[in-house]
């Protein structure tokens, strides 16, 4: 599953765009992986990662990145997701990005402000959700004997180069099973909290009216 995508500028490490993040019970700690992707982007920008293609293992996931014409395309996938398909996805993003005027993207100064590309990321991502489609199977079967020449590293090795990033980020992501961090719980709370407030307020008013009624009845005697 393609879970997180970031497009960034190599020259200054600025993240330009990101697709809509995959939302499920794990979404509570996708922000952790987003920070990790930003670290990868910064490491590329400062020249610590020189390979044009790389797979970086982290927990039960992996980052794959592709650098073309001063732009880096990073995707977070499940470790079981076919790497060959992940790089096809990145290549499709790169081809679409090349259609934009470079002078326009060079002028971007705020992180994730290239919102025009967010929708493109979402559209291309949908094509790669199901690895069993005919199109994706064809990509996987093409040149089966030709191995992808991609360097593979562990995220812990990359973090080891930058002690300040190790101090800033936890060693492992927070548990995704925590109900209090669940986005579903947040949705339920947002939906039912106003209703509960109205119900409680109605009960208080009803109780108050009953007390006042009893008071007037007793006073009349």
N, C-alpha and C. Protein backbone atom coordinates (compact mmCIF):
# COMPACT_ATOMS: atom_id res chain seq x y z
N UNK A 1 0.84 -1.19 0.00
CA UNK A 1 0.00 0.00 0.00
C UNK A 1 0.87 1.24 0.00
N UNK A 2 0.56 2.18 -0.89
CA UNK A 2 1.22 3.48 -0.90
C UNK A 2 0.56 4.35 0.16
N UNK A 3 1.31 4.74 1.18
CA UNK A 3 0.72 5.41 2.33
C UNK A 3 1.03 6.90 2.41
N UNK A 4 2.19 7.29 1.98
CA UNK A 4 2.60 8.68 2.15
C UNK A 4 3.52 9.07 1.01
N UNK A 5 3.29 10.22 0.43
CA UNK A 5 4.12 10.71 -0.68
C UNK A 5 4.54 12.14 -0.42
N UNK A 6 5.81 12.42 -0.65
CA UNK A 6 6.32 13.78 -0.51
C UNK A 6 7.20 14.10 -1.72
N UNK A 7 7.00 15.28 -2.27
CA UNK A 7 7.83 15.77 -3.36
C UNK A 7 8.60 16.98 -2.83
N UNK A 8 9.91 16.97 -2.99
CA UNK A 8 10.72 18.04 -2.43
C UNK A 8 11.79 18.54 -3.40
N UNK A 9 12.33 19.70 -3.08
CA UNK A 9 13.38 20.32 -3.88
C UNK A 9 14.74 19.96 -3.29
N UNK A 10 15.64 19.48 -4.11
CA UNK A 10 16.94 19.03 -3.64
C UNK A 10 17.81 20.19 -3.19
N UNK A 11 17.75 21.31 -3.88
CA UNK A 11 18.67 22.42 -3.64
C UNK A 11 18.61 22.95 -2.21
N UNK A 12 17.40 23.02 -1.65
CA UNK A 12 17.26 23.57 -0.29
C UNK A 12 16.47 22.66 0.65
N UNK A 13 16.08 21.46 0.17
CA UNK A 13 15.36 20.53 1.03
C UNK A 13 13.94 20.94 1.36
N UNK A 14 13.34 21.81 0.54
CA UNK A 14 11.98 22.27 0.81
C UNK A 14 10.96 21.27 0.30
N UNK A 15 10.06 20.76 1.15
CA UNK A 15 8.98 19.90 0.67
C UNK A 15 7.96 20.74 -0.09
N UNK A 16 7.66 20.34 -1.30
CA UNK A 16 6.78 21.12 -2.18
C UNK A 16 5.33 20.65 -2.13
N UNK A 17 5.14 19.34 -2.11
CA UNK A 17 3.77 18.80 -2.18
C UNK A 17 3.71 17.46 -1.49
N UNK A 18 2.51 17.08 -1.13
CA UNK A 18 2.27 15.75 -0.58
C UNK A 18 0.87 15.31 -0.98
N UNK A 19 0.74 14.04 -1.26
CA UNK A 19 -0.58 13.54 -1.60
C UNK A 19 -1.41 13.39 -0.34
N UNK A 20 -2.70 13.17 -0.53
CA UNK A 20 -3.56 12.90 0.62
C UNK A 20 -3.07 11.64 1.30
N UNK A 21 -2.83 11.71 2.59
CA UNK A 21 -2.27 10.59 3.31
C UNK A 21 -3.30 9.48 3.46
N UNK A 22 -2.80 8.25 3.37
CA UNK A 22 -3.67 7.08 3.53
C UNK A 22 -4.24 7.10 4.94
N UNK A 23 -5.58 7.10 5.04
CA UNK A 23 -6.25 7.25 6.34
C UNK A 23 -6.82 5.91 6.79
N UNK A 24 -6.33 5.42 7.90
CA UNK A 24 -6.91 4.28 8.59
C UNK A 24 -6.46 4.35 10.03
N UNK A 25 -6.51 3.26 10.76
CA UNK A 25 -6.17 3.31 12.17
C UNK A 25 -4.71 3.67 12.40
N UNK A 26 -3.86 3.57 11.36
CA UNK A 26 -2.47 3.91 11.51
C UNK A 26 -2.20 5.40 11.33
N UNK A 27 -3.21 6.15 10.93
CA UNK A 27 -3.00 7.55 10.60
C UNK A 27 -2.49 8.36 11.79
N UNK A 28 -2.71 7.84 13.01
CA UNK A 28 -2.28 8.56 14.19
C UNK A 28 -0.78 8.76 14.26
N UNK A 29 -0.02 7.88 13.62
CA UNK A 29 1.41 8.07 13.66
C UNK A 29 2.04 8.25 12.27
N UNK A 30 1.24 8.54 11.26
CA UNK A 30 1.81 8.87 9.96
C UNK A 30 2.61 10.16 10.02
N UNK A 31 2.27 11.03 10.97
CA UNK A 31 3.05 12.25 11.14
C UNK A 31 4.50 11.92 11.50
N UNK A 32 4.69 10.80 12.23
CA UNK A 32 6.04 10.35 12.55
C UNK A 32 6.81 10.05 11.27
N UNK A 33 6.18 9.31 10.36
CA UNK A 33 6.83 8.95 9.11
C UNK A 33 7.02 10.17 8.21
N UNK A 34 6.11 11.13 8.31
CA UNK A 34 6.29 12.35 7.54
C UNK A 34 7.57 13.07 7.99
N UNK A 35 7.81 13.10 9.29
CA UNK A 35 9.04 13.72 9.80
C UNK A 35 10.27 12.95 9.33
N UNK A 36 10.14 11.62 9.28
CA UNK A 36 11.26 10.82 8.80
C UNK A 36 11.53 11.10 7.32
N UNK A 37 10.46 11.26 6.54
CA UNK A 37 10.63 11.58 5.12
C UNK A 37 11.30 12.94 4.95
N UNK A 38 10.96 13.89 5.82
CA UNK A 38 11.58 15.20 5.76
C UNK A 38 13.07 15.12 6.10
N UNK A 39 13.42 14.23 7.02
CA UNK A 39 14.83 14.02 7.34
C UNK A 39 15.57 13.47 6.12
N UNK A 40 14.95 12.51 5.44
CA UNK A 40 15.56 11.96 4.22
C UNK A 40 15.77 13.07 3.20
N UNK A 41 14.77 13.93 3.05
CA UNK A 41 14.86 15.05 2.11
C UNK A 41 16.02 15.97 2.48
N UNK A 42 16.18 16.26 3.77
CA UNK A 42 17.27 17.12 4.22
C UNK A 42 18.63 16.44 4.01
N UNK A 43 18.70 15.15 4.24
CA UNK A 43 19.95 14.42 4.03
C UNK A 43 20.34 14.44 2.55
N UNK A 44 19.37 14.32 1.68
CA UNK A 44 19.64 14.41 0.24
C UNK A 44 20.11 15.81 -0.11
N UNK A 45 19.46 16.81 0.45
CA UNK A 45 19.79 18.20 0.15
C UNK A 45 21.23 18.56 0.55
N UNK A 46 21.67 18.04 1.69
CA UNK A 46 23.02 18.38 2.16
C UNK A 46 24.08 17.45 1.59
N UNK A 47 23.67 16.52 0.73
CA UNK A 47 24.61 15.67 0.02
C UNK A 47 25.03 14.41 0.75
N UNK A 48 24.34 14.08 1.85
CA UNK A 48 24.69 12.87 2.61
C UNK A 48 24.18 11.61 1.90
N UNK A 49 23.10 11.73 1.14
CA UNK A 49 22.57 10.63 0.35
C UNK A 49 22.74 10.99 -1.12
N UNK A 50 23.65 10.31 -1.79
CA UNK A 50 24.00 10.70 -3.16
C UNK A 50 23.36 9.83 -4.23
N UNK A 51 22.83 8.67 -3.85
CA UNK A 51 22.22 7.78 -4.85
C UNK A 51 20.96 8.41 -5.42
N UNK A 52 20.75 8.23 -6.72
CA UNK A 52 19.56 8.79 -7.36
C UNK A 52 18.31 7.98 -7.06
N UNK A 53 18.51 6.73 -6.65
CA UNK A 53 17.41 5.87 -6.23
C UNK A 53 17.83 5.16 -4.95
N UNK A 54 16.89 5.00 -4.05
CA UNK A 54 17.23 4.30 -2.81
C UNK A 54 15.97 3.76 -2.14
N UNK A 55 16.13 2.63 -1.47
CA UNK A 55 15.11 2.08 -0.59
C UNK A 55 15.63 2.14 0.83
N UNK A 56 14.82 2.70 1.73
CA UNK A 56 15.23 2.86 3.13
C UNK A 56 14.23 2.12 4.00
N UNK A 57 14.70 1.11 4.68
CA UNK A 57 13.82 0.29 5.52
C UNK A 57 13.61 0.96 6.88
N UNK A 58 12.35 0.90 7.35
CA UNK A 58 12.02 1.45 8.66
C UNK A 58 10.82 0.68 9.21
N UNK A 59 11.01 0.00 10.33
CA UNK A 59 9.95 -0.80 10.93
C UNK A 59 9.40 -1.81 9.91
N UNK A 60 8.09 -1.83 9.75
CA UNK A 60 7.48 -2.74 8.77
C UNK A 60 7.14 -2.00 7.48
N UNK A 61 7.83 -0.92 7.25
CA UNK A 61 7.61 -0.11 6.06
C UNK A 61 8.94 0.15 5.37
N UNK A 62 8.87 0.83 4.25
CA UNK A 62 10.09 1.28 3.61
C UNK A 62 9.81 2.54 2.81
N UNK A 63 10.79 3.41 2.78
CA UNK A 63 10.76 4.58 1.91
C UNK A 63 11.47 4.23 0.61
N UNK A 64 10.91 4.66 -0.49
CA UNK A 64 11.60 4.60 -1.78
C UNK A 64 11.67 6.02 -2.31
N UNK A 65 12.82 6.41 -2.80
CA UNK A 65 12.90 7.75 -3.37
C UNK A 65 13.60 7.74 -4.72
N UNK A 66 13.25 8.74 -5.51
CA UNK A 66 13.79 8.92 -6.86
C UNK A 66 14.14 10.39 -7.05
N UNK A 67 15.33 10.66 -7.52
CA UNK A 67 15.78 12.04 -7.77
C UNK A 67 15.91 12.26 -9.27
N UNK A 68 15.25 13.29 -9.76
CA UNK A 68 15.32 13.65 -11.18
C UNK A 68 15.28 15.16 -11.32
N UNK A 69 16.24 15.73 -12.01
CA UNK A 69 16.25 17.16 -12.34
C UNK A 69 16.07 18.05 -11.11
N UNK A 70 16.77 17.73 -10.04
CA UNK A 70 16.74 18.57 -8.86
C UNK A 70 15.51 18.42 -8.00
N UNK A 71 14.71 17.40 -8.26
CA UNK A 71 13.49 17.16 -7.47
C UNK A 71 13.53 15.72 -6.96
N UNK A 72 13.16 15.53 -5.70
CA UNK A 72 13.13 14.19 -5.12
C UNK A 72 11.69 13.78 -4.85
N UNK A 73 11.37 12.56 -5.22
CA UNK A 73 10.03 12.00 -5.04
C UNK A 73 10.17 10.85 -4.04
N UNK A 74 9.47 10.97 -2.91
CA UNK A 74 9.59 9.99 -1.82
C UNK A 74 8.23 9.35 -1.56
N UNK A 75 8.22 8.04 -1.40
CA UNK A 75 6.97 7.35 -1.09
C UNK A 75 7.22 6.36 0.05
N UNK A 76 6.26 6.29 0.96
CA UNK A 76 6.27 5.32 2.05
C UNK A 76 5.31 4.19 1.70
N UNK A 77 5.79 2.97 1.76
CA UNK A 77 4.96 1.79 1.45
C UNK A 77 5.11 0.75 2.54
N UNK A 78 4.16 -0.18 2.57
CA UNK A 78 4.35 -1.39 3.38
C UNK A 78 5.58 -2.12 2.85
N UNK A 79 6.27 -2.82 3.73
CA UNK A 79 7.47 -3.54 3.31
C UNK A 79 7.15 -4.64 2.29
N UNK A 80 5.88 -5.11 2.29
CA UNK A 80 5.48 -6.16 1.36
C UNK A 80 5.12 -5.62 -0.03
N UNK A 81 5.02 -4.31 -0.15
CA UNK A 81 4.63 -3.72 -1.44
C UNK A 81 5.79 -3.89 -2.43
N UNK A 82 5.51 -4.32 -3.67
CA UNK A 82 6.58 -4.56 -4.64
C UNK A 82 7.40 -3.29 -4.91
N UNK A 83 8.70 -3.39 -4.72
CA UNK A 83 9.56 -2.23 -4.92
C UNK A 83 9.53 -1.75 -6.37
N UNK A 84 9.47 -2.68 -7.28
CA UNK A 84 9.44 -2.32 -8.69
C UNK A 84 8.24 -1.45 -9.00
N UNK A 85 7.10 -1.79 -8.39
CA UNK A 85 5.88 -1.02 -8.60
C UNK A 85 5.98 0.35 -7.94
N UNK A 86 6.63 0.41 -6.78
CA UNK A 86 6.81 1.69 -6.10
C UNK A 86 7.61 2.66 -6.96
N UNK A 87 8.63 2.15 -7.65
CA UNK A 87 9.43 3.04 -8.49
C UNK A 87 8.71 3.41 -9.79
N UNK A 88 7.84 2.54 -10.25
CA UNK A 88 6.98 2.93 -11.38
C UNK A 88 6.09 4.10 -10.96
N UNK A 89 5.58 4.02 -9.75
CA UNK A 89 4.75 5.09 -9.20
C UNK A 89 5.53 6.41 -9.14
N UNK A 90 6.75 6.34 -8.64
CA UNK A 90 7.58 7.55 -8.56
C UNK A 90 7.92 8.09 -9.94
N UNK A 91 8.15 7.22 -10.88
CA UNK A 91 8.45 7.66 -12.25
C UNK A 91 7.24 8.35 -12.89
N UNK A 92 6.05 7.83 -12.60
CA UNK A 92 4.83 8.48 -13.11
C UNK A 92 4.67 9.88 -12.51
N UNK A 93 4.98 10.01 -11.22
CA UNK A 93 4.93 11.33 -10.58
C UNK A 93 5.94 12.27 -11.23
N UNK A 94 7.12 11.76 -11.47
CA UNK A 94 8.18 12.59 -12.06
C UNK A 94 7.79 13.08 -13.45
N UNK A 95 7.17 12.22 -14.24
CA UNK A 95 6.75 12.61 -15.59
C UNK A 95 5.69 13.72 -15.54
N UNK A 96 4.76 13.61 -14.58
CA UNK A 96 3.73 14.64 -14.44
C UNK A 96 4.33 15.95 -13.92
N UNK A 97 5.30 15.84 -13.02
CA UNK A 97 5.93 17.04 -12.47
C UNK A 97 6.69 17.80 -13.55
N UNK A 98 7.27 17.07 -14.49
CA UNK A 98 8.04 17.71 -15.56
C UNK A 98 7.16 18.57 -16.47
N UNK A 99 5.86 18.37 -16.42
CA UNK A 99 4.96 19.15 -17.27
C UNK A 99 4.78 20.58 -16.76
N UNK A 100 5.16 20.82 -15.51
CA UNK A 100 5.04 22.16 -14.94
C UNK A 100 6.27 22.99 -15.26
N UNK A 101 6.04 24.28 -15.37
CA UNK A 101 7.13 25.22 -15.64
C UNK A 101 8.10 25.23 -14.46
N UNK A 102 9.37 24.96 -14.73
CA UNK A 102 10.36 24.89 -13.66
C UNK A 102 10.53 26.23 -12.94
N UNK A 103 10.37 27.32 -13.69
CA UNK A 103 10.51 28.63 -13.05
C UNK A 103 9.42 28.85 -12.01
N UNK A 104 8.26 28.21 -12.22
CA UNK A 104 7.16 28.32 -11.27
C UNK A 104 7.49 27.58 -9.98
N UNK A 105 7.96 26.35 -10.11
CA UNK A 105 8.26 25.55 -8.92
C UNK A 105 9.49 26.08 -8.19
N UNK A 106 10.40 26.73 -8.91
CA UNK A 106 11.59 27.30 -8.26
C UNK A 106 11.25 28.49 -7.37
N UNK A 107 10.10 29.11 -7.63
CA UNK A 107 9.71 30.29 -6.86
C UNK A 107 8.98 29.94 -5.56
N UNK A 108 8.66 28.68 -5.37
CA UNK A 108 7.93 28.28 -4.16
C UNK A 108 8.84 28.44 -2.94
N UNK A 109 8.31 29.09 -1.91
CA UNK A 109 9.10 29.35 -0.70
C UNK A 109 8.48 28.74 0.56
N UNK A 110 7.20 28.36 0.51
CA UNK A 110 6.54 27.80 1.69
C UNK A 110 6.39 26.29 1.55
N UNK A 111 6.62 25.54 2.62
CA UNK A 111 6.50 24.08 2.56
C UNK A 111 5.09 23.64 2.16
N UNK A 112 5.02 22.65 1.31
CA UNK A 112 3.77 22.01 0.88
C UNK A 112 2.77 22.99 0.27
N UNK A 113 3.28 24.03 -0.37
CA UNK A 113 2.37 25.03 -0.95
C UNK A 113 2.09 24.77 -2.44
N UNK A 114 2.70 23.75 -3.02
CA UNK A 114 2.43 23.42 -4.42
C UNK A 114 1.21 22.50 -4.48
N UNK A 115 0.06 23.07 -4.11
CA UNK A 115 -1.16 22.27 -3.93
C UNK A 115 -1.69 21.73 -5.26
N UNK A 116 -1.30 22.34 -6.38
CA UNK A 116 -1.76 21.84 -7.67
C UNK A 116 -1.30 20.40 -7.89
N UNK A 117 -0.17 20.06 -7.30
CA UNK A 117 0.38 18.73 -7.53
C UNK A 117 -0.21 17.70 -6.55
N UNK A 118 -0.83 18.16 -5.47
CA UNK A 118 -1.42 17.24 -4.51
C UNK A 118 -2.49 16.37 -5.15
N UNK A 119 -3.33 17.00 -5.97
CA UNK A 119 -4.39 16.25 -6.64
C UNK A 119 -3.83 15.24 -7.64
N UNK A 120 -2.75 15.60 -8.30
CA UNK A 120 -2.11 14.68 -9.25
C UNK A 120 -1.55 13.47 -8.52
N UNK A 121 -0.93 13.72 -7.37
CA UNK A 121 -0.42 12.61 -6.55
C UNK A 121 -1.55 11.66 -6.18
N UNK A 122 -2.68 12.23 -5.74
CA UNK A 122 -3.82 11.40 -5.33
C UNK A 122 -4.34 10.56 -6.50
N UNK A 123 -4.41 11.15 -7.69
CA UNK A 123 -4.93 10.42 -8.86
C UNK A 123 -4.00 9.28 -9.25
N UNK A 124 -2.70 9.54 -9.25
CA UNK A 124 -1.75 8.50 -9.64
C UNK A 124 -1.70 7.41 -8.58
N UNK A 125 -1.79 7.81 -7.32
CA UNK A 125 -1.76 6.83 -6.23
C UNK A 125 -2.87 5.81 -6.36
N UNK A 126 -4.06 6.27 -6.78
CA UNK A 126 -5.20 5.36 -6.92
C UNK A 126 -4.91 4.23 -7.91
N UNK A 127 -4.07 4.51 -8.88
CA UNK A 127 -3.74 3.50 -9.89
C UNK A 127 -2.84 2.40 -9.33
N UNK A 128 -2.21 2.69 -8.18
CA UNK A 128 -1.24 1.74 -7.63
C UNK A 128 -1.72 1.10 -6.32
N UNK A 129 -2.96 1.33 -5.94
CA UNK A 129 -3.46 0.74 -4.69
C UNK A 129 -3.54 -0.79 -4.81
N UNK A 130 -4.14 -1.25 -5.89
CA UNK A 130 -4.31 -2.69 -6.10
C UNK A 130 -3.18 -3.20 -6.99
N UNK A 131 -2.31 -3.99 -6.43
CA UNK A 131 -1.16 -4.51 -7.20
C UNK A 131 -1.57 -5.59 -8.20
N UNK A 132 -2.82 -6.04 -8.12
CA UNK A 132 -3.25 -7.16 -8.97
C UNK A 132 -3.97 -6.71 -10.24
N UNK A 133 -4.08 -5.42 -10.48
CA UNK A 133 -4.71 -4.97 -11.72
C UNK A 133 -3.84 -5.38 -12.90
N UNK A 134 -4.46 -5.46 -14.07
CA UNK A 134 -3.73 -5.89 -15.26
C UNK A 134 -2.58 -4.95 -15.57
N UNK A 135 -2.82 -3.66 -15.40
CA UNK A 135 -1.76 -2.68 -15.68
C UNK A 135 -0.57 -2.87 -14.75
N UNK A 136 -0.84 -3.06 -13.47
CA UNK A 136 0.25 -3.23 -12.51
C UNK A 136 0.95 -4.57 -12.67
N UNK A 137 0.21 -5.61 -12.99
CA UNK A 137 0.84 -6.91 -13.24
C UNK A 137 1.75 -6.85 -14.46
N UNK A 138 1.33 -6.10 -15.46
CA UNK A 138 2.17 -5.95 -16.65
C UNK A 138 3.47 -5.24 -16.31
N UNK A 139 3.38 -4.23 -15.44
CA UNK A 139 4.61 -3.52 -15.02
C UNK A 139 5.53 -4.43 -14.23
N UNK A 140 4.94 -5.27 -13.40
CA UNK A 140 5.76 -6.18 -12.59
C UNK A 140 6.41 -7.27 -13.44
N UNK A 141 5.71 -7.71 -14.47
CA UNK A 141 6.22 -8.81 -15.30
C UNK A 141 7.17 -8.33 -16.39
N UNK A 142 7.16 -7.06 -16.71
CA UNK A 142 8.05 -6.53 -17.73
C UNK A 142 9.49 -6.58 -17.24
N UNK A 143 10.38 -7.08 -18.08
CA UNK A 143 11.81 -7.18 -17.75
C UNK A 143 12.03 -7.85 -16.40
N UNK A 144 11.40 -8.99 -16.21
CA UNK A 144 11.47 -9.68 -14.91
C UNK A 144 12.90 -10.08 -14.56
N UNK A 145 13.71 -10.32 -15.55
CA UNK A 145 15.08 -10.74 -15.29
C UNK A 145 15.99 -9.56 -14.95
N UNK A 146 15.49 -8.38 -15.22
CA UNK A 146 16.31 -7.19 -14.96
C UNK A 146 16.02 -6.66 -13.56
N UNK A 147 17.00 -6.81 -12.69
CA UNK A 147 16.84 -6.34 -11.31
C UNK A 147 16.95 -4.82 -11.26
N UNK A 148 16.19 -4.23 -10.37
CA UNK A 148 16.26 -2.78 -10.19
C UNK A 148 17.55 -2.45 -9.43
N UNK A 149 18.34 -1.59 -10.01
CA UNK A 149 19.61 -1.20 -9.39
C UNK A 149 19.34 -0.11 -8.36
N UNK A 150 18.99 -0.54 -7.17
CA UNK A 150 18.62 0.39 -6.11
C UNK A 150 19.39 0.05 -4.84
N UNK A 151 19.99 1.07 -4.24
CA UNK A 151 20.69 0.90 -2.97
C UNK A 151 19.65 0.75 -1.86
N UNK A 152 19.91 -0.14 -0.90
CA UNK A 152 19.02 -0.36 0.23
C UNK A 152 19.75 -0.08 1.53
N UNK A 153 19.14 0.72 2.40
CA UNK A 153 19.73 1.05 3.70
C UNK A 153 18.64 1.02 4.77
N UNK A 154 19.09 1.05 6.02
CA UNK A 154 18.17 1.15 7.15
C UNK A 154 18.10 2.59 7.63
N UNK A 155 16.90 3.00 8.07
CA UNK A 155 16.72 4.37 8.55
C UNK A 155 17.60 4.66 9.76
N UNK A 156 17.85 3.65 10.58
CA UNK A 156 18.68 3.86 11.77
C UNK A 156 20.09 4.29 11.39
N UNK A 157 20.60 3.78 10.27
CA UNK A 157 21.93 4.18 9.82
C UNK A 157 21.95 5.63 9.37
N UNK A 158 20.86 6.06 8.74
CA UNK A 158 20.78 7.45 8.27
C UNK A 158 20.65 8.39 9.46
N UNK A 159 19.82 8.01 10.43
CA UNK A 159 19.67 8.84 11.63
C UNK A 159 20.97 8.91 12.42
N UNK A 160 21.76 7.84 12.33
CA UNK A 160 23.01 7.82 13.07
C UNK A 160 23.99 8.88 12.61
N UNK A 161 23.81 9.38 11.41
CA UNK A 161 24.69 10.43 10.91
C UNK A 161 24.35 11.78 11.50
N UNK A 162 23.09 11.93 11.95
CA UNK A 162 22.64 13.23 12.44
C UNK A 162 22.12 13.08 13.86
N UNK A 163 22.99 13.21 14.88
CA UNK A 163 22.56 13.03 16.27
C UNK A 163 21.41 13.94 16.67
N UNK A 164 21.37 15.15 16.10
CA UNK A 164 20.31 16.07 16.49
C UNK A 164 18.94 15.57 16.07
N UNK A 165 18.86 14.81 14.98
CA UNK A 165 17.56 14.27 14.55
C UNK A 165 17.15 13.11 15.44
N UNK A 166 18.11 12.38 15.95
CA UNK A 166 17.79 11.27 16.85
C UNK A 166 17.18 11.81 18.14
N UNK A 167 17.70 12.93 18.62
CA UNK A 167 17.17 13.51 19.84
C UNK A 167 15.78 14.09 19.62
N UNK A 168 15.53 14.56 18.41
CA UNK A 168 14.26 15.22 18.15
C UNK A 168 13.12 14.24 17.94
N UNK A 169 13.41 13.04 17.44
CA UNK A 169 12.37 12.08 17.11
C UNK A 169 12.47 10.84 17.97
N UNK A 170 11.33 10.19 18.28
CA UNK A 170 11.37 8.96 19.07
C UNK A 170 12.01 7.83 18.27
N UNK A 171 12.53 6.85 18.97
CA UNK A 171 13.18 5.73 18.30
C UNK A 171 12.17 4.88 17.54
N UNK A 172 10.94 4.78 18.08
CA UNK A 172 9.88 4.02 17.42
C UNK A 172 8.62 4.84 17.41
N UNK A 173 7.76 4.65 16.42
CA UNK A 173 6.52 5.41 16.36
C UNK A 173 5.59 5.02 17.48
N UNK A 174 4.73 5.93 17.92
CA UNK A 174 3.75 5.59 18.95
C UNK A 174 2.81 4.51 18.46
N UNK A 175 2.24 3.78 19.40
CA UNK A 175 1.38 2.65 19.05
C UNK A 175 0.17 3.09 18.26
N UNK A 176 -0.06 2.40 17.17
CA UNK A 176 -1.22 2.74 16.33
C UNK A 176 -2.51 2.19 16.90
N UNK A 177 -2.40 1.29 17.89
CA UNK A 177 -3.60 0.65 18.43
C UNK A 177 -4.26 1.46 19.53
N UNK A 178 -3.62 2.56 19.95
CA UNK A 178 -4.20 3.36 21.01
C UNK A 178 -5.51 3.98 20.56
N UNK A 179 -6.58 3.68 21.31
CA UNK A 179 -7.90 4.18 20.89
C UNK A 179 -7.99 5.69 20.99
N UNK A 180 -7.23 6.26 21.96
CA UNK A 180 -7.33 7.71 22.16
C UNK A 180 -6.65 8.46 21.03
N UNK A 181 -5.73 7.81 20.33
CA UNK A 181 -5.08 8.48 19.21
C UNK A 181 -5.75 8.16 17.89
N UNK A 182 -6.86 7.43 17.94
CA UNK A 182 -7.53 7.00 16.73
C UNK A 182 -8.31 8.14 16.10
N UNK A 183 -8.15 8.35 14.79
CA UNK A 183 -8.94 9.39 14.11
C UNK A 183 -10.42 9.05 14.10
N UNK A 184 -10.76 7.74 14.20
CA UNK A 184 -12.18 7.36 14.24
C UNK A 184 -12.82 7.87 15.52
N UNK A 185 -12.07 7.78 16.63
CA UNK A 185 -12.60 8.29 17.89
C UNK A 185 -12.83 9.78 17.81
N UNK A 186 -11.93 10.46 17.11
CA UNK A 186 -12.08 11.91 16.95
C UNK A 186 -13.34 12.24 16.17
N UNK A 187 -13.60 11.46 15.12
CA UNK A 187 -14.80 11.69 14.31
C UNK A 187 -16.04 11.45 15.14
N UNK A 188 -16.03 10.36 15.94
CA UNK A 188 -17.19 10.06 16.80
C UNK A 188 -17.41 11.18 17.80
N UNK A 189 -16.31 11.67 18.38
CA UNK A 189 -16.42 12.74 19.38
C UNK A 189 -17.00 14.00 18.76
N UNK A 190 -16.53 14.34 17.56
CA UNK A 190 -17.02 15.54 16.90
C UNK A 190 -18.51 15.42 16.55
N UNK A 191 -18.93 14.19 16.24
CA UNK A 191 -20.33 13.97 15.83
C UNK A 191 -21.28 13.98 17.02
N UNK A 192 -20.87 13.32 18.11
CA UNK A 192 -21.80 13.09 19.22
C UNK A 192 -21.69 14.07 20.36
N UNK A 193 -20.58 14.78 20.48
CA UNK A 193 -20.42 15.74 21.58
C UNK A 193 -21.51 16.81 21.58
N UNK A 194 -21.79 17.48 20.43
CA UNK A 194 -22.88 18.48 20.45
C UNK A 194 -24.23 17.88 20.85
N UNK A 195 -24.49 16.64 20.40
CA UNK A 195 -25.76 15.99 20.73
C UNK A 195 -25.84 15.73 22.23
N UNK A 196 -24.74 15.26 22.81
CA UNK A 196 -24.73 14.98 24.24
C UNK A 196 -24.90 16.27 25.05
N UNK A 197 -24.30 17.35 24.56
CA UNK A 197 -24.45 18.64 25.25
C UNK A 197 -25.92 19.07 25.28
N UNK A 198 -26.60 18.91 24.13
CA UNK A 198 -28.02 19.28 24.03
C UNK A 198 -28.85 18.41 24.96
N UNK A 199 -28.57 17.09 24.99
CA UNK A 199 -29.34 16.17 25.83
C UNK A 199 -29.16 16.52 27.31
N UNK A 200 -27.91 16.76 27.72
CA UNK A 200 -27.64 17.10 29.12
C UNK A 200 -28.31 18.42 29.49
N UNK A 201 -28.21 19.42 28.59
CA UNK A 201 -28.83 20.72 28.87
C UNK A 201 -30.34 20.58 28.99
N UNK A 202 -30.95 19.75 28.14
CA UNK A 202 -32.41 19.53 28.20
C UNK A 202 -32.80 18.88 29.51
N UNK A 203 -31.99 17.92 29.94
CA UNK A 203 -32.29 17.23 31.20
C UNK A 203 -32.19 18.20 32.38
N UNK A 204 -31.19 19.08 32.34
CA UNK A 204 -31.03 20.06 33.42
C UNK A 204 -32.22 21.01 33.46
N UNK A 205 -32.66 21.49 32.26
CA UNK A 205 -33.81 22.39 32.20
C UNK A 205 -35.08 21.69 32.68
N UNK A 206 -35.25 20.42 32.27
CA UNK A 206 -36.43 19.66 32.71
C UNK A 206 -36.43 19.48 34.22
N UNK A 207 -35.28 19.13 34.76
CA UNK A 207 -35.17 18.96 36.21
C UNK A 207 -35.45 20.26 36.94
N UNK A 208 -34.93 21.37 36.39
CA UNK A 208 -35.16 22.67 36.99
C UNK A 208 -36.63 23.05 36.99
N UNK A 209 -37.32 22.76 35.85
CA UNK A 209 -38.74 23.09 35.76
C UNK A 209 -39.56 22.27 36.75
N UNK A 210 -39.18 21.00 36.93
CA UNK A 210 -39.89 20.15 37.89
C UNK A 210 -39.70 20.64 39.31
N UNK A 211 -38.47 21.06 39.64
CA UNK A 211 -38.20 21.58 40.98
C UNK A 211 -39.01 22.84 41.24
N UNK A 212 -39.06 23.74 40.23
CA UNK A 212 -39.81 24.98 40.39
C UNK A 212 -41.31 24.70 40.53
N UNK A 213 -41.80 23.71 39.77
CA UNK A 213 -43.22 23.35 39.84
C UNK A 213 -43.57 22.84 41.24
N UNK A 214 -42.71 21.95 41.76
CA UNK A 214 -42.94 21.43 43.12
C UNK A 214 -42.90 22.55 44.15
N UNK A 215 -41.98 23.50 43.94
CA UNK A 215 -41.84 24.61 44.89
C UNK A 215 -43.12 25.46 44.93
N UNK A 216 -43.66 25.77 43.73
CA UNK A 216 -44.89 26.60 43.67
C UNK A 216 -46.10 25.84 44.25
N UNK A 217 -46.13 24.52 44.02
CA UNK A 217 -47.26 23.73 44.57
C UNK A 217 -47.21 23.73 46.09
N UNK A 218 -45.99 23.52 46.62
CA UNK A 218 -45.84 23.52 48.08
C UNK A 218 -46.14 24.89 48.66
N UNK A 219 -45.70 25.95 47.97
CA UNK A 219 -45.93 27.32 48.46
C UNK A 219 -47.42 27.67 48.46
N UNK A 220 -48.17 27.13 47.48
CA UNK A 220 -49.59 27.45 47.40
C UNK A 220 -50.38 26.86 48.55
N UNK A 221 -49.85 25.79 49.15
CA UNK A 221 -50.51 25.20 50.31
C UNK A 221 -50.24 26.02 51.54
